Protein backbone atom coordinates (compact mmCIF):
# COMPACT_ATOMS: atom_id res chain seq x y z
CA MET A 1 -1.22 22.02 -19.92
CA LYS A 2 1.60 24.57 -19.62
CA ILE A 3 2.36 25.72 -16.09
CA SER A 4 2.10 29.47 -15.51
CA ASP A 5 5.43 31.33 -15.36
CA LYS A 6 4.63 32.59 -11.85
CA LEU A 7 4.57 29.03 -10.47
CA PRO A 8 7.30 26.44 -9.94
CA GLN A 9 8.15 24.81 -13.28
CA PHE A 10 9.50 21.42 -12.12
CA SER A 11 11.98 21.56 -15.02
CA SER A 12 14.59 19.29 -13.44
CA GLU A 13 12.36 16.71 -11.74
CA ARG A 14 9.17 14.71 -12.12
CA VAL A 15 6.55 15.32 -9.46
CA LEU A 16 3.24 13.68 -8.67
CA ILE A 17 0.61 15.92 -7.10
CA ILE A 18 -2.35 14.07 -5.64
CA ALA A 19 -5.40 15.86 -4.22
CA SER A 20 -7.38 13.51 -2.05
CA GLY A 21 -10.72 13.61 -0.31
CA GLN A 22 -12.48 10.92 1.70
CA SER A 23 -13.42 8.72 -1.24
CA GLU A 24 -11.95 10.45 -4.28
CA ALA A 25 -8.46 11.42 -5.50
CA VAL A 26 -7.21 13.39 -8.50
CA ILE A 27 -3.67 12.73 -9.76
CA TYR A 28 -1.43 15.12 -11.72
CA ARG A 29 2.09 14.61 -13.02
CA ALA A 30 4.25 17.73 -13.41
CA GLU A 31 7.54 17.89 -15.34
CA LYS A 32 9.35 20.21 -17.76
CA SER A 33 6.95 23.15 -17.26
CA MET A 34 3.91 20.98 -18.07
CA ILE A 35 1.24 19.40 -15.88
CA TYR A 36 -0.74 16.37 -17.02
CA LYS A 37 -3.91 14.98 -15.49
CA ARG A 38 -3.68 11.25 -14.84
CA GLU A 39 -6.40 8.72 -14.07
CA GLY A 40 -7.84 9.37 -10.62
CA ILE A 41 -9.65 7.21 -8.10
CA LYS A 42 -13.25 7.29 -6.97
CA GLN A 43 -14.44 4.85 -4.33
CA GLU A 44 -18.15 4.16 -4.57
CA ILE A 45 -20.14 4.09 -1.34
CA PRO A 46 -22.01 0.78 -1.08
CA LYS A 47 -25.79 0.98 -1.01
CA TYR A 48 -27.63 -1.61 1.01
CA THR A 49 -31.07 -2.33 -0.40
CA ASP A 50 -32.49 -4.56 2.30
CA ARG A 51 -31.71 -5.57 5.83
CA GLU A 52 -28.85 -7.84 4.99
CA GLY A 53 -27.46 -9.54 8.04
CA LEU A 54 -30.41 -8.96 10.38
CA PHE A 55 -30.19 -11.25 13.36
CA ARG A 56 -32.08 -11.99 16.55
CA LYS A 57 -30.89 -13.96 19.48
CA SER A 58 -33.66 -15.39 21.54
CA SER A 59 -33.95 -17.88 24.30
CA ARG A 60 -36.77 -19.81 25.92
CA LYS A 61 -37.28 -19.19 29.56
CA GLY A 62 -40.13 -20.66 31.50
CA GLY A 63 -42.29 -21.34 28.43
CA ARG A 64 -41.95 -17.95 26.80
CA THR A 65 -39.43 -16.57 24.29
CA GLU A 66 -37.29 -13.57 25.20
CA THR A 67 -35.17 -11.59 22.81
CA ALA A 68 -31.69 -11.18 24.29
CA ALA A 69 -30.08 -9.29 21.41
CA HIS A 70 -31.04 -8.06 18.00
CA GLY A 71 -29.66 -5.78 15.33
CA SER A 72 -27.82 -5.78 12.09
CA VAL A 73 -24.30 -6.79 11.15
CA TYR A 74 -23.80 -4.07 8.59
CA GLU A 75 -20.21 -3.04 8.16
CA ASN A 76 -19.56 0.50 9.19
CA LYS A 77 -19.81 2.25 5.79
CA LYS A 78 -17.39 5.07 6.55
CA ARG A 79 -14.67 2.82 7.88
CA TYR A 80 -15.14 0.35 5.02
CA VAL A 81 -15.00 3.08 2.34
CA LYS A 82 -11.93 4.74 3.90
CA ALA A 83 -10.02 1.48 4.21
CA LYS A 84 -10.82 0.44 0.65
CA PHE A 85 -9.99 3.93 -0.67
CA VAL A 86 -6.60 4.04 1.08
CA LYS A 87 -5.75 0.61 -0.30
CA ASN A 88 -6.70 1.67 -3.86
CA LEU A 89 -4.82 4.97 -3.51
CA ILE A 90 -1.59 3.23 -2.50
CA LYS A 91 -2.04 0.79 -5.37
CA ARG A 92 -2.56 3.69 -7.81
CA ILE A 93 0.53 5.55 -6.55
CA ARG A 94 2.60 2.40 -7.11
CA GLU A 95 1.23 2.14 -10.67
CA GLU A 96 2.23 5.77 -11.35
CA GLN A 97 5.72 5.14 -9.99
CA ARG A 98 6.32 2.05 -12.15
CA GLY A 99 7.23 3.52 -15.55
CA SER A 100 9.27 6.62 -14.92
CA PRO A 101 9.18 7.29 -11.17
CA ALA A 102 8.62 10.75 -9.77
CA GLY A 103 11.26 12.17 -7.46
CA LYS A 104 8.65 13.59 -5.11
CA VAL A 105 5.01 12.81 -4.46
CA TYR A 106 2.87 15.50 -2.84
CA LEU A 107 -0.33 14.19 -1.29
CA ILE A 108 -2.76 17.01 -0.47
CA LEU A 109 -5.44 15.71 1.87
CA PRO A 110 -7.74 16.69 4.74
CA ASP A 111 -6.55 16.30 8.34
CA PHE A 112 -8.91 13.46 9.17
CA MET A 113 -7.47 11.27 6.38
CA ALA A 114 -3.79 11.97 7.08
CA GLY A 115 -3.43 9.55 9.99
CA GLU A 116 -4.98 6.62 8.17
CA ILE A 117 -2.98 7.10 5.00
CA GLU A 118 0.27 7.67 6.88
CA ARG A 119 -0.31 4.52 8.95
CA ASP A 120 -1.00 2.34 5.89
CA LEU A 121 1.85 3.61 3.67
CA PRO A 122 4.63 1.08 3.13
CA GLY A 123 8.19 2.15 4.02
CA ASP A 124 9.42 2.72 0.46
CA LEU A 125 6.54 5.11 -0.31
CA LYS A 126 6.89 6.96 3.01
CA ARG A 127 10.30 8.19 1.90
CA THR A 128 9.02 9.83 -1.30
CA ILE A 129 5.57 11.05 -0.21
CA ARG A 130 5.10 14.40 1.49
CA LEU A 131 1.73 14.80 3.19
CA ILE A 132 0.19 18.27 2.99
CA ARG A 133 -2.75 18.74 5.33
CA SER A 134 -4.66 21.41 3.48
CA GLY A 135 -8.24 20.23 3.12
CA ILE A 136 -10.21 18.67 0.30
CA LEU A 137 -8.97 20.15 -2.99
CA THR A 138 -10.14 17.50 -5.45
CA ASP A 139 -12.18 20.04 -7.44
CA SER A 140 -9.43 22.68 -7.53
CA HIS A 141 -7.56 23.85 -10.61
CA PRO A 142 -4.09 22.26 -11.05
CA PHE A 143 -2.45 25.68 -10.56
CA ASP A 144 -4.09 25.95 -7.12
CA LEU A 145 -2.55 22.60 -6.23
CA ILE A 146 0.88 23.79 -7.38
CA ARG A 147 0.45 26.93 -5.24
CA THR A 148 -0.37 24.71 -2.24
CA VAL A 149 2.79 22.68 -2.88
CA ARG A 150 4.84 25.87 -3.28
CA ASP A 151 3.50 27.25 0.01
CA PHE A 152 4.30 23.96 1.73
CA GLU A 153 7.86 23.73 0.40
CA GLY A 154 8.66 27.42 0.55
CA LYS A 155 9.60 29.90 -2.16
CA ASP A 156 12.75 28.00 -3.18
CA LEU A 157 10.86 24.98 -4.55
CA GLY A 158 12.96 23.19 -7.10
CA MET A 159 16.26 24.62 -5.80
CA ARG A 160 18.78 22.60 -3.83
CA VAL A 161 18.68 23.28 -0.11
CA PRO A 162 22.09 23.33 1.60
CA ARG A 163 22.71 20.98 4.51
CA ASN A 164 24.65 23.45 6.68
CA LYS A 165 25.15 27.18 7.18
CA ASP A 166 28.53 27.30 5.43
CA ALA A 167 27.05 25.90 2.24
CA LEU A 168 24.23 28.45 2.45
CA LYS A 169 26.77 31.31 2.71
CA LEU A 170 28.63 30.00 -0.35
CA MET A 171 25.39 29.78 -2.33
CA GLU A 172 24.46 33.34 -1.35
CA LYS A 173 27.88 34.64 -2.43
CA SER A 174 27.66 32.98 -5.81
CA SER A 175 24.06 34.07 -6.40
CA PRO A 176 23.80 36.31 -9.49
CA GLU A 177 20.96 38.32 -7.87
CA LYS A 178 23.36 40.16 -5.54
CA LEU A 179 25.76 41.21 -8.34
């Protein structure tokens, strides 16, 4: 779909914009004033139907049986789903970067997921991914995601940012807006 004229156009670079929740992610690729929806990720939450893993530890003491411990060895669902989701998300980002890699990857995610994803990212992806802690925006319109990226990067998104003050002064002098 064509990006609105009021938003950054990404005309000179390819960008991946990923909106992530706890168990779902939506992936968009933006380039040359267009934004394309890519295949996303949805991690299913496992459903346990019976008491898998029920155990009891008992011992005999003086002719009678006493239960020392009992319970279930279920895996913690939340932790399991998060770990599996993060692993699949990293795998999916790598797949997107294979063909024609994006210069920048913006990952919009809630605060509680940021630490886990940041910890599990390999070094080569850490250099290209920018984490935006903005909440769960998986159901948002692509233009809302671009606005979030614009607000994160500032109004000069897509422009080169000078490394020192002298370069900034030269850029301001040569800017056609002041003529």
